[in-house]
Amino acid sequence: MRISKEEARDIIKGSGGKFVSVKFVKKDGSVRDLNGRIGVYKSQYAPLKNVGLKYNPNDYGLMSIFDVQKKAYRMINIETLSQLKIDGEVYETE
């Protein structure tokens, strides 16, 4: 199914912590597959140090997802997102 990038962002945000798989182009030009979820809090893996992001990812077209394989947060660029998979449904972005 083909969807827009805005619809893909909405699907990810509305996933409610379900696992999602995304394929996107990284800043260095390489293609990256990521399996992760949103709604994971850092305190589950390490104590917080009252440190947050110093910028708003939405201003740069980015979205934070917790990579379950690397057990770390990763930023994905919604503008370079090419594929999204959730609940067995595969979406291709335009």
PDB file of N, CA and C in Angstrom:
ATOM      1  N   MET A   1       0.847  -1.171   0.000  1.00  0.00           N
ATOM      2  CA  MET A   1       0.000   0.000   0.000  1.00  0.00           C
ATOM      3  C   MET A   1       0.901   1.245   0.000  1.00  0.00           C
ATOM      4  N   ARG A   2       0.559   2.241  -0.805  1.00  0.00           N
ATOM      5  CA  ARG A   2       1.333   3.485  -0.890  1.00  0.00           C
ATOM      6  C   ARG A   2       0.706   4.535   0.011  1.00  0.00           C
ATOM      7  N   ILE A   3       1.539   5.196   0.799  1.00  0.00           N
ATOM      8  CA  ILE A   3       1.079   6.264   1.685  1.00  0.00           C
ATOM      9  C   ILE A   3       2.051   7.435   1.595  1.00  0.00           C
ATOM     10  N   SER A   4       1.612   8.594   2.085  1.00  0.00           N
ATOM     11  CA  SER A   4       2.494   9.759   2.106  1.00  0.00           C
ATOM     12  C   SER A   4       3.402   9.689   3.331  1.00  0.00           C
ATOM     13  N   LYS A   5       4.410  10.504   3.341  1.00  0.00           N
ATOM     14  CA  LYS A   5       5.339  10.528   4.473  1.00  0.00           C
ATOM     15  C   LYS A   5       4.656  11.030   5.743  1.00  0.00           C
ATOM     16  N   GLU A   6       3.711  11.960   5.593  1.00  0.00           N
ATOM     17  CA  GLU A   6       2.965  12.453   6.758  1.00  0.00           C
ATOM     18  C   GLU A   6       2.099  11.347   7.355  1.00  0.00           C
ATOM     19  N   GLU A   7       1.498  10.538   6.479  1.00  0.00           N
ATOM     20  CA  GLU A   7       0.704   9.408   6.969  1.00  0.00           C
ATOM     21  C   GLU A   7       1.589   8.391   7.679  1.00  0.00           C
ATOM     22  N   ALA A   8       2.792   8.183   7.165  1.00  0.00           N
ATOM     23  CA  ALA A   8       3.728   7.257   7.814  1.00  0.00           C
ATOM     24  C   ALA A   8       4.085   7.756   9.210  1.00  0.00           C
ATOM     25  N   ARG A   9       4.346   9.059   9.329  1.00  0.00           N
ATOM     26  CA  ARG A   9       4.655   9.638  10.643  1.00  0.00           C
ATOM     27  C   ARG A   9       3.483   9.422  11.598  1.00  0.00           C
ATOM     28  N   ASP A  10       2.265   9.658  11.116  1.00  0.00           N
ATOM     29  CA  ASP A  10       1.076   9.484  11.956  1.00  0.00           C
ATOM     30  C   ASP A  10       0.884   8.030  12.380  1.00  0.00           C
ATOM     31  N   ILE A  11       1.173   7.106  11.478  1.00  0.00           N
ATOM     32  CA  ILE A  11       1.046   5.683  11.808  1.00  0.00           C
ATOM     33  C   ILE A  11       2.052   5.298  12.892  1.00  0.00           C
ATOM     34  N   ILE A  12       3.278   5.781  12.761  1.00  0.00           N
ATOM     35  CA  ILE A  12       4.302   5.481  13.769  1.00  0.00           C
ATOM     36  C   ILE A  12       3.924   6.089  15.108  1.00  0.00           C
ATOM     37  N   LYS A  13       3.513   7.356  15.094  1.00  0.00           N
ATOM     38  CA  LYS A  13       3.123   8.012  16.349  1.00  0.00           C
ATOM     39  C   LYS A  13       1.916   7.338  16.983  1.00  0.00           C
ATOM     40  N   GLY A  14       1.001   6.832  16.176  1.00  0.00           N
ATOM     41  CA  GLY A  14      -0.193   6.192  16.678  1.00  0.00           C
ATOM     42  C   GLY A  14      -0.026   4.704  16.967  1.00  0.00           C
ATOM     43  N   SER A  15       1.197   4.207  16.861  1.00  0.00           N
ATOM     44  CA  SER A  15       1.423   2.774  17.048  1.00  0.00           C
ATOM     45  C   SER A  15       1.242   2.324  18.491  1.00  0.00           C
ATOM     46  N   GLY A  16       1.272   3.245  19.428  1.00  0.00           N
ATOM     47  CA  GLY A  16       1.045   2.890  20.823  1.00  0.00           C
ATOM     48  C   GLY A  16       2.105   1.979  21.402  1.00  0.00           C
ATOM     49  N   GLY A  17       3.326   2.083  20.926  1.00  0.00           N
ATOM     50  CA  GLY A  17       4.406   1.255  21.451  1.00  0.00           C
ATOM     51  C   GLY A  17       4.550  -0.095  20.771  1.00  0.00           C
ATOM     52  N   LYS A  18       3.749  -0.345  19.729  1.00  0.00           N
ATOM     53  CA  LYS A  18       3.908  -1.596  18.983  1.00  0.00           C
ATOM     54  C   LYS A  18       5.222  -1.550  18.211  1.00  0.00           C
ATOM     55  N   PHE A  19       5.725  -2.723  17.885  1.00  0.00           N
ATOM     56  CA  PHE A  19       6.959  -2.792  17.120  1.00  0.00           C
ATOM     57  C   PHE A  19       6.707  -2.377  15.677  1.00  0.00           C
ATOM     58  N   VAL A  20       7.636  -1.599  15.139  1.00  0.00           N
ATOM     59  CA  VAL A  20       7.577  -1.159  13.748  1.00  0.00           C
ATOM     60  C   VAL A  20       8.936  -1.431  13.104  1.00  0.00           C
ATOM     61  N   SER A  21       8.925  -1.674  11.823  1.00  0.00           N
ATOM     62  CA  SER A  21      10.148  -1.805  11.034  1.00  0.00           C
ATOM     63  C   SER A  21      10.126  -0.693  10.004  1.00  0.00           C
ATOM     64  N   VAL A  22      11.229   0.005   9.873  1.00  0.00           N
ATOM     65  CA  VAL A  22      11.324   1.087   8.902  1.00  0.00           C
ATOM     66  C   VAL A  22      12.579   0.915   8.059  1.00  0.00           C
ATOM     67  N   LYS A  23      12.510   1.402   6.836  1.00  0.00           N
ATOM     68  CA  LYS A  23      13.663   1.442   5.938  1.00  0.00           C
ATOM     69  C   LYS A  23      13.799   2.893   5.500  1.00  0.00           C
ATOM     70  N   PHE A  24      14.988   3.450   5.693  1.00  0.00           N
ATOM     71  CA  PHE A  24      15.214   4.847   5.348  1.00  0.00           C
ATOM     72  C   PHE A  24      16.668   5.044   4.947  1.00  0.00           C
ATOM     73  N   VAL A  25      16.969   6.207   4.393  1.00  0.00           N
ATOM     74  CA  VAL A  25      18.329   6.548   3.988  1.00  0.00           C
ATOM     75  C   VAL A  25      18.948   7.397   5.091  1.00  0.00           C
ATOM     76  N   LYS A  26      20.105   6.959   5.559  1.00  0.00           N
ATOM     77  CA  LYS A  26      20.804   7.693   6.608  1.00  0.00           C
ATOM     78  C   LYS A  26      21.466   8.948   6.033  1.00  0.00           C
ATOM     79  N   LYS A  27      21.951   9.776   6.928  1.00  0.00           N
ATOM     80  CA  LYS A  27      22.585  11.030   6.522  1.00  0.00           C
ATOM     81  C   LYS A  27      23.799  10.793   5.618  1.00  0.00           C
ATOM     82  N   ASP A  28      24.510   9.673   5.830  1.00  0.00           N
ATOM     83  CA  ASP A  28      25.680   9.378   5.010  1.00  0.00           C
ATOM     84  C   ASP A  28      25.333   8.745   3.659  1.00  0.00           C
ATOM     85  N   GLY A  29      24.027   8.528   3.395  1.00  0.00           N
ATOM     86  CA  GLY A  29      23.578   8.000   2.119  1.00  0.00           C
ATOM     87  C   GLY A  29      23.331   6.503   2.103  1.00  0.00           C
ATOM     88  N   SER A  30      23.672   5.816   3.165  1.00  0.00           N
ATOM     89  CA  SER A  30      23.437   4.368   3.209  1.00  0.00           C
ATOM     90  C   SER A  30      21.996   4.078   3.642  1.00  0.00           C
ATOM     91  N   VAL A  31      21.492   2.926   3.205  1.00  0.00           N
ATOM     92  CA  VAL A  31      20.128   2.512   3.540  1.00  0.00           C
ATOM     93  C   VAL A  31      20.177   1.758   4.864  1.00  0.00           C
ATOM     94  N   ARG A  32      19.216   2.036   5.733  1.00  0.00           N
ATOM     95  CA  ARG A  32      19.186   1.429   7.065  1.00  0.00           C
ATOM     96  C   ARG A  32      17.828   0.806   7.310  1.00  0.00           C
ATOM     97  N   ASP A  33      17.830  -0.415   7.818  1.00  0.00           N
ATOM     98  CA  ASP A  33      16.625  -1.086   8.298  1.00  0.00           C
ATOM     99  C   ASP A  33      16.671  -1.025   9.817  1.00  0.00           C
ATOM    100  N   LEU A  34      15.563  -0.640  10.430  1.00  0.00           N
ATOM    101  CA  LEU A  34      15.513  -0.499  11.878  1.00  0.00           C
ATOM    102  C   LEU A  34      14.237  -1.146  12.402  1.00  0.00           C
ATOM    103  N   ASN A  35      14.375  -1.956  13.417  1.00  0.00           N
ATOM    104  CA  ASN A  35      13.234  -2.525  14.120  1.00  0.00           C
ATOM    105  C   ASN A  35      13.186  -1.853  15.478  1.00  0.00           C
ATOM    106  N   GLY A  36      12.064  -1.233  15.781  1.00  0.00           N
ATOM    107  CA  GLY A  36      11.996  -0.509  17.038  1.00  0.00           C
ATOM    108  C   GLY A  36      10.587  -0.171  17.432  1.00  0.00           C
ATOM    109  N   ARG A  37      10.503   0.705  18.411  1.00  0.00           N
ATOM    110  CA  ARG A  37       9.201   1.151  18.890  1.00  0.00           C
ATOM    111  C   ARG A  37       9.350   2.496  19.569  1.00  0.00           C
ATOM    112  N   ILE A  38       8.231   3.193  19.682  1.00  0.00           N
ATOM    113  CA  ILE A  38       8.238   4.453  20.399  1.00  0.00           C
ATOM    114  C   ILE A  38       7.660   4.202  21.784  1.00  0.00           C
ATOM    115  N   GLY A  39       7.789   5.153  22.664  1.00  0.00           N
ATOM    116  CA  GLY A  39       7.229   5.020  23.999  1.00  0.00           C
ATOM    117  C   GLY A  39       8.136   4.296  24.974  1.00  0.00           C
ATOM    118  N   VAL A  40       9.405   4.095  24.631  1.00  0.00           N
ATOM    119  CA  VAL A  40      10.364   3.471  25.534  1.00  0.00           C
ATOM    120  C   VAL A  40      11.083   4.596  26.266  1.00  0.00           C
ATOM    121  N   TYR A  41      11.166   4.470  27.575  1.00  0.00           N
ATOM    122  CA  TYR A  41      11.812   5.501  28.377  1.00  0.00           C
ATOM    123  C   TYR A  41      13.201   5.054  28.775  1.00  0.00           C
ATOM    124  N   LYS A  42      14.126   5.969  28.700  1.00  0.00           N
ATOM    125  CA  LYS A  42      15.524   5.669  28.970  1.00  0.00           C
ATOM    126  C   LYS A  42      15.731   5.102  30.368  1.00  0.00           C
ATOM    127  N   SER A  43      14.926   5.506  31.325  1.00  0.00           N
ATOM    128  CA  SER A  43      15.121   5.048  32.697  1.00  0.00           C
ATOM    129  C   SER A  43      14.955   3.534  32.822  1.00  0.00           C
ATOM    130  N   GLN A  44      14.363   2.889  31.808  1.00  0.00           N
ATOM    131  CA  GLN A  44      14.258   1.440  31.833  1.00  0.00           C
ATOM    132  C   GLN A  44      15.627   0.798  31.620  1.00  0.00           C
ATOM    133  N   TYR A  45      16.560   1.522  31.020  1.00  0.00           N
ATOM    134  CA  TYR A  45      17.860   0.964  30.683  1.00  0.00           C
ATOM    135  C   TYR A  45      19.020   1.662  31.387  1.00  0.00           C
ATOM    136  N   ALA A  46      18.842   2.895  31.790  1.00  0.00           N
ATOM    137  CA  ALA A  46      19.897   3.634  32.468  1.00  0.00           C
ATOM    138  C   ALA A  46      19.265   4.797  33.227  1.00  0.00           C
ATOM    139  N   PRO A  47      19.870   5.232  34.311  1.00  0.00           N
ATOM    140  CA  PRO A  47      19.290   6.357  35.055  1.00  0.00           C
ATOM    141  C   PRO A  47      19.357   7.658  34.252  1.00  0.00           C
ATOM    142  N   LEU A  48      18.336   8.471  34.404  1.00  0.00           N
ATOM    143  CA  LEU A  48      18.295   9.770  33.731  1.00  0.00           C
ATOM    144  C   LEU A  48      19.224  10.745  34.424  1.00  0.00           C
ATOM    145  N   LYS A  49      19.783  11.667  33.664  1.00  0.00           N
ATOM    146  CA  LYS A  49      20.688  12.670  34.211  1.00  0.00           C
ATOM    147  C   LYS A  49      20.156  14.078  33.987  1.00  0.00           C
ATOM    148  N   ASN A  50      18.830  14.225  33.866  1.00  0.00           N
ATOM    149  CA  ASN A  50      18.195  15.512  33.598  1.00  0.00           C
ATOM    150  C   ASN A  50      18.742  16.151  32.329  1.00  0.00           C
ATOM    151  N   VAL A  51      19.028  15.339  31.346  1.00  0.00           N
ATOM    152  CA  VAL A  51      19.543  15.822  30.072  1.00  0.00           C
ATOM    153  C   VAL A  51      18.548  15.408  28.990  1.00  0.00           C
ATOM    154  N   GLY A  52      18.197  16.360  28.145  1.00  0.00           N
ATOM    155  CA  GLY A  52      17.286  16.070  27.045  1.00  0.00           C
ATOM    156  C   GLY A  52      17.882  16.553  25.748  1.00  0.00           C
ATOM    157  N   LEU A  53      17.086  16.503  24.706  1.00  0.00           N
ATOM    158  CA  LEU A  53      17.552  17.001  23.418  1.00  0.00           C
ATOM    159  C   LEU A  53      17.658  18.516  23.460  1.00  0.00           C
ATOM    160  N   LYS A  54      18.633  19.044  22.771  1.00  0.00           N
ATOM    161  CA  LYS A  54      18.826  20.488  22.735  1.00  0.00           C
ATOM    162  C   LYS A  54      18.182  21.114  21.505  1.00  0.00           C
ATOM    163  N   TYR A  55      17.391  20.294  20.794  1.00  0.00           N
ATOM    164  CA  TYR A  55      16.682  20.767  19.610  1.00  0.00           C
ATOM    165  C   TYR A  55      15.374  19.997  19.498  1.00  0.00           C
ATOM    166  N   ASN A  56      14.489  20.502  18.660  1.00  0.00           N
ATOM    167  CA  ASN A  56      13.221  19.833  18.426  1.00  0.00           C
ATOM    168  C   ASN A  56      13.355  18.999  17.150  1.00  0.00           C
ATOM    169  N   PRO A  57      13.297  17.663  17.249  1.00  0.00           N
ATOM    170  CA  PRO A  57      13.466  16.827  16.061  1.00  0.00           C
ATOM    171  C   PRO A  57      12.455  17.127  14.950  1.00  0.00           C
ATOM    172  N   ASN A  58      11.234  17.546  15.307  1.00  0.00           N
ATOM    173  CA  ASN A  58      10.224  17.863  14.300  1.00  0.00           C
ATOM    174  C   ASN A  58      10.665  19.004  13.395  1.00  0.00           C
ATOM    175  N   ASP A  59      11.470  19.932  13.917  1.00  0.00           N
ATOM    176  CA  ASP A  59      11.960  21.048  13.106  1.00  0.00           C
ATOM    177  C   ASP A  59      12.864  20.576  11.970  1.00  0.00           C
ATOM    178  N   TYR A  60      13.443  19.387  12.126  1.00  0.00           N
ATOM    179  CA  TYR A  60      14.372  18.846  11.135  1.00  0.00           C
ATOM    180  C   TYR A  60      13.811  17.629  10.406  1.00  0.00           C
ATOM    181  N   GLY A  61      12.527  17.336  10.594  1.00  0.00           N
ATOM    182  CA  GLY A  61      11.912  16.193   9.932  1.00  0.00           C
ATOM    183  C   GLY A  61      12.355  14.860  10.504  1.00  0.00           C
ATOM    184  N   LEU A  62      12.781  14.855  11.762  1.00  0.00           N
ATOM    185  CA  LEU A  62      13.275  13.640  12.400  1.00  0.00           C
ATOM    186  C   LEU A  62      12.267  13.092  13.398  1.00  0.00           C
ATOM    187  N   MET A  63      12.404  11.816  13.690  1.00  0.00           N
ATOM    188  CA  MET A  63      11.556  11.160  14.681  1.00  0.00           C
ATOM    189  C   MET A  63      12.419  10.187  15.467  1.00  0.00           C
ATOM    190  N   SER A  64      12.236  10.174  16.773  1.00  0.00           N
ATOM    191  CA  SER A  64      13.017   9.301  17.644  1.00  0.00           C
ATOM    192  C   SER A  64      12.321   7.955  17.799  1.00  0.00           C
ATOM    193  N   ILE A  65      13.078   6.885  17.592  1.00  0.00           N
ATOM    194  CA  ILE A  65      12.583   5.518  17.766  1.00  0.00           C
ATOM    195  C   ILE A  65      13.636   4.743  18.553  1.00  0.00           C
ATOM    196  N   PHE A  66      13.168   3.889  19.445  1.00  0.00           N
ATOM    197  CA  PHE A  66      14.089   3.058  20.209  1.00  0.00           C
ATOM    198  C   PHE A  66      14.409   1.808  19.391  1.00  0.00           C
ATOM    199  N   ASP A  67      15.680   1.637  19.043  1.00  0.00           N
ATOM    200  CA  ASP A  67      16.152   0.483  18.279  1.00  0.00           C
ATOM    201  C   ASP A  67      16.291  -0.689  19.252  1.00  0.00           C
ATOM    202  N   VAL A  68      15.462  -1.714  19.089  1.00  0.00           N
ATOM    203  CA  VAL A  68      15.448  -2.824  20.041  1.00  0.00           C
ATOM    204  C   VAL A  68      16.655  -3.745  19.879  1.00  0.00           C
ATOM    205  N   GLN A  69      17.311  -3.731  18.729  1.00  0.00           N
ATOM    206  CA  GLN A  69      18.485  -4.571  18.539  1.00  0.00           C
ATOM    207  C   GLN A  69      19.719  -3.950  19.183  1.00  0.00           C
ATOM    208  N   LYS A  70      19.860  -2.637  19.070  1.00  0.00           N
ATOM    209  CA  LYS A  70      21.016  -1.947  19.644  1.00  0.00           C
ATOM    210  C   LYS A  70      20.742  -1.392  21.032  1.00  0.00           C
ATOM    211  N   LYS A  71      19.477  -1.478  21.468  1.00  0.00           N
ATOM    212  CA  LYS A  71      19.052  -0.956  22.769  1.00  0.00           C
ATOM    213  C   LYS A  71      19.471   0.498  22.967  1.00  0.00           C
ATOM    214  N   ALA A  72      19.149   1.297  21.948  1.00  0.00           N
ATOM    215  CA  ALA A  72      19.485   2.715  21.980  1.00  0.00           C
ATOM    216  C   ALA A  72      18.497   3.479  21.103  1.00  0.00           C
ATOM    217  N   TYR A  73      18.349   4.765  21.376  1.00  0.00           N
ATOM    218  CA  TYR A  73      17.484   5.613  20.568  1.00  0.00           C
ATOM    219  C   TYR A  73      18.173   5.945  19.256  1.00  0.00           C
ATOM    220  N   ARG A  74      17.388   6.020  18.207  1.00  0.00           N
ATOM    221  CA  ARG A  74      17.875   6.429  16.896  1.00  0.00           C
ATOM    222  C   ARG A  74      16.897   7.429  16.316  1.00  0.00           C
ATOM    223  N   MET A  75      17.423   8.351  15.532  1.00  0.00           N
ATOM    224  CA  MET A  75      16.597   9.324  14.825  1.00  0.00           C
ATOM    225  C   MET A  75      16.432   8.852  13.387  1.00  0.00           C
ATOM    226  N   ILE A  76      15.183   8.836  12.932  1.00  0.00           N
ATOM    227  CA  ILE A  76      14.949   8.514  11.535  1.00  0.00           C
ATOM    228  C   ILE A  76      14.465   9.775  10.835  1.00  0.00           C
ATOM    229  N   ASN A  77      14.887   9.944   9.605  1.00  0.00           N
ATOM    230  CA  ASN A  77      14.475  11.084   8.794  1.00  0.00           C
ATOM    231  C   ASN A  77      13.225  10.677   8.028  1.00  0.00           C
ATOM    232  N   ILE A  78      12.109  11.300   8.358  1.00  0.00           N
ATOM    233  CA  ILE A  78      10.844  10.961   7.719  1.00  0.00           C
ATOM    234  C   ILE A  78      10.894  11.249   6.219  1.00  0.00           C
ATOM    235  N   GLU A  79      11.650  12.252   5.808  1.00  0.00           N
ATOM    236  CA  GLU A  79      11.727  12.608   4.383  1.00  0.00           C
ATOM    237  C   GLU A  79      12.426  11.537   3.553  1.00  0.00           C
ATOM    238  N   THR A  80      13.286  10.721   4.166  1.00  0.00           N
ATOM    239  CA  THR A  80      13.986   9.671   3.423  1.00  0.00           C
ATOM    240  C   THR A  80      13.403   8.288   3.700  1.00  0.00           C
ATOM    241  N   LEU A  81      12.299   8.230   4.428  1.00  0.00           N
ATOM    242  CA  LEU A  81      11.631   6.966   4.747  1.00  0.00           C
ATOM    243  C   LEU A  81      11.067   6.351   3.468  1.00  0.00           C
ATOM    244  N   SER A  82      11.382   5.087   3.221  1.00  0.00           N
ATOM    245  CA  SER A  82      10.882   4.451   2.011  1.00  0.00           C
ATOM    246  C   SER A  82       9.903   3.317   2.307  1.00  0.00           C
ATOM    247  N   GLN A  83      10.000   2.719   3.493  1.00  0.00           N
ATOM    248  CA  GLN A  83       9.115   1.599   3.807  1.00  0.00           C
ATOM    249  C   GLN A  83       8.827   1.562   5.304  1.00  0.00           C
ATOM    250  N   LEU A  84       7.595   1.174   5.631  1.00  0.00           N
ATOM    251  CA  LEU A  84       7.140   1.046   7.014  1.00  0.00           C
ATOM    252  C   LEU A  84       6.359  -0.244   7.126  1.00  0.00           C
ATOM    253  N   LYS A  85       6.643  -1.014   8.176  1.00  0.00           N
ATOM    254  CA  LYS A  85       5.927  -2.270   8.387  1.00  0.00           C
ATOM    255  C   LYS A  85       5.434  -2.298   9.827  1.00  0.00           C
ATOM    256  N   ILE A  86       4.120  -2.507   9.996  1.00  0.00           N
ATOM    257  CA  ILE A  86       3.526  -2.597  11.324  1.00  0.00           C
ATOM    258  C   ILE A  86       2.306  -3.514  11.248  1.00  0.00           C
ATOM    259  N   ASP A  87       2.130  -4.350  12.249  1.00  0.00           N
ATOM    260  CA  ASP A  87       1.009  -5.301  12.313  1.00  0.00           C
ATOM    261  C   ASP A  87       0.883  -6.151  11.053  1.00  0.00           C
ATOM    262  N   GLY A  88       1.995  -6.513  10.456  1.00  0.00           N
ATOM    263  CA  GLY A  88       1.966  -7.342   9.251  1.00  0.00           C
ATOM    264  C   GLY A  88       1.658  -6.601   7.969  1.00  0.00           C
ATOM    265  N   GLU A  89       1.338  -5.319   8.063  1.00  0.00           N
ATOM    266  CA  GLU A  89       1.060  -4.482   6.893  1.00  0.00           C
ATOM    267  C   GLU A  89       2.350  -3.796   6.453  1.00  0.00           C
ATOM    268  N   VAL A  90       2.622  -3.809   5.167  1.00  0.00           N
ATOM    269  CA  VAL A  90       3.792  -3.136   4.608  1.00  0.00           C
ATOM    270  C   VAL A  90       3.309  -1.916   3.833  1.00  0.00           C
ATOM    271  N   TYR A  91       3.882  -0.767   4.149  1.00  0.00           N
ATOM    272  CA  TYR A  91       3.534   0.495   3.482  1.00  0.00           C
ATOM    273  C   TYR A  91       4.770   1.036   2.774  1.00  0.00           C
ATOM    274  N   GLU A  92       4.596   1.444   1.533  1.00  0.00           N
ATOM    275  CA  GLU A  92       5.638   2.120   0.770  1.00  0.00           C
ATOM    276  C   GLU A  92       5.297   3.605   0.781  1.00  0.00           C
ATOM    277  N   THR A  93       6.298   4.459   1.004  1.00  0.00           N
ATOM    278  CA  THR A  93       6.031   5.896   1.045  1.00  0.00           C
ATOM    279  C   THR A  93       6.341   6.537  -0.308  1.00  0.00           C
ATOM    280  N   GLU A  94       5.622   7.598  -0.563  1.00  0.00           N
ATOM    281  CA  GLU A  94       5.772   8.334  -1.835  1.00  0.00           C
ATOM    282  C   GLU A  94       6.800   9.418  -1.675  1.00  0.00           C
TER     283      GLU A  94
END
